[in-house]
Amino acid sequence: MKTIIVEIAADGTVTLEANGFTGPACTASTRFLEDALGQVRQRRHKPEYQQRQNQAARRRQDLGGRP
């Protein structure tokens, strides 16, 4: 299940967490919130983000494509 968790700390700091997304879809899914809330100070990608990109690269290599 795809979900976006929004946490607002007492100091006003907002944290977004995208669950159930892979690759660039996680940043695309939170873009509207980032745009509404203002400047992104820090971004951390979870393992699922890299995993999806690595799988696509392996598929290209298996099919004889460019890495």
Protein backbone atom coordinates (compact mmCIF):
# COMPACT_ATOMS: atom_id res chain seq x y z
CA MET A 1 0.00 0.00 0.00
CA LYS A 2 1.36 3.41 -0.96
CA THR A 3 1.26 6.03 1.78
CA ILE A 4 2.80 9.40 2.53
CA ILE A 5 3.42 10.16 6.19
CA VAL A 6 3.65 13.82 7.21
CA GLU A 7 5.15 14.60 10.62
CA ILE A 8 5.21 18.12 12.03
CA ALA A 9 7.54 18.67 14.99
CA ALA A 10 6.92 21.20 17.76
CA ASP A 11 9.51 23.52 16.17
CA GLY A 12 7.60 23.46 12.86
CA THR A 13 9.99 21.12 11.07
CA VAL A 14 8.10 18.93 8.60
CA THR A 15 9.21 15.40 7.68
CA LEU A 16 7.73 13.51 4.76
CA GLU A 17 8.06 9.75 4.32
CA ALA A 18 6.88 7.93 1.21
CA ASN A 19 6.13 4.23 1.78
CA GLY A 20 5.39 1.64 -0.88
CA PHE A 21 7.06 3.59 -3.69
CA THR A 22 10.17 2.53 -5.63
CA GLY A 23 12.72 4.55 -7.54
CA PRO A 24 11.94 8.13 -8.54
CA ALA A 25 8.21 7.57 -7.91
CA CYS A 26 8.80 8.31 -4.22
CA THR A 27 10.07 11.84 -4.87
CA ALA A 28 7.40 12.41 -7.52
CA SER A 29 4.71 11.38 -5.03
CA THR A 30 5.78 13.98 -2.45
CA ARG A 31 6.55 16.80 -4.90
CA PHE A 32 3.20 18.54 -4.39
CA LEU A 33 3.79 18.67 -0.63
CA GLU A 34 7.36 19.88 -1.03
CA ASP A 35 6.17 22.64 -3.36
CA ALA A 36 3.46 23.69 -0.90
CA LEU A 37 5.71 23.60 2.16
CA GLY A 38 8.73 25.39 0.73
CA GLN A 39 12.43 24.65 0.51
CA VAL A 40 13.67 21.08 1.03
CA ARG A 41 16.58 21.19 3.46
CA GLN A 42 17.52 17.54 3.36
CA ARG A 43 16.51 14.48 1.35
CA ARG A 44 17.26 10.88 2.30
CA HIS A 45 16.48 8.05 -0.06
CA LYS A 46 15.49 4.74 1.45
CA PRO A 47 16.94 1.46 0.10
CA GLU A 48 13.85 0.98 -2.09
CA TYR A 49 14.85 4.03 -4.13
CA GLN A 50 18.25 2.61 -5.07
CA GLN A 51 16.99 -0.96 -5.39
CA ARG A 52 14.63 -0.08 -8.22
CA GLN A 53 17.33 1.79 -10.15
CA ASN A 54 19.79 -1.08 -9.72
CA GLN A 55 17.22 -3.61 -10.98
CA ALA A 56 16.61 -1.53 -14.12
CA ALA A 57 20.35 -1.33 -14.80
CA ARG A 58 20.70 -5.11 -14.39
CA ARG A 59 17.83 -5.69 -16.82
CA ARG A 60 19.50 -3.50 -19.44
CA GLN A 61 22.74 -5.44 -19.02
CA ASP A 62 20.93 -8.79 -19.26
CA LEU A 63 19.30 -7.68 -22.49
CA GLY A 64 22.61 -6.53 -23.95
CA GLY A 65 21.85 -2.84 -23.47
CA ARG A 66 24.11 -0.16 -22.18
CA PRO A 67 24.60 -0.15 -18.38
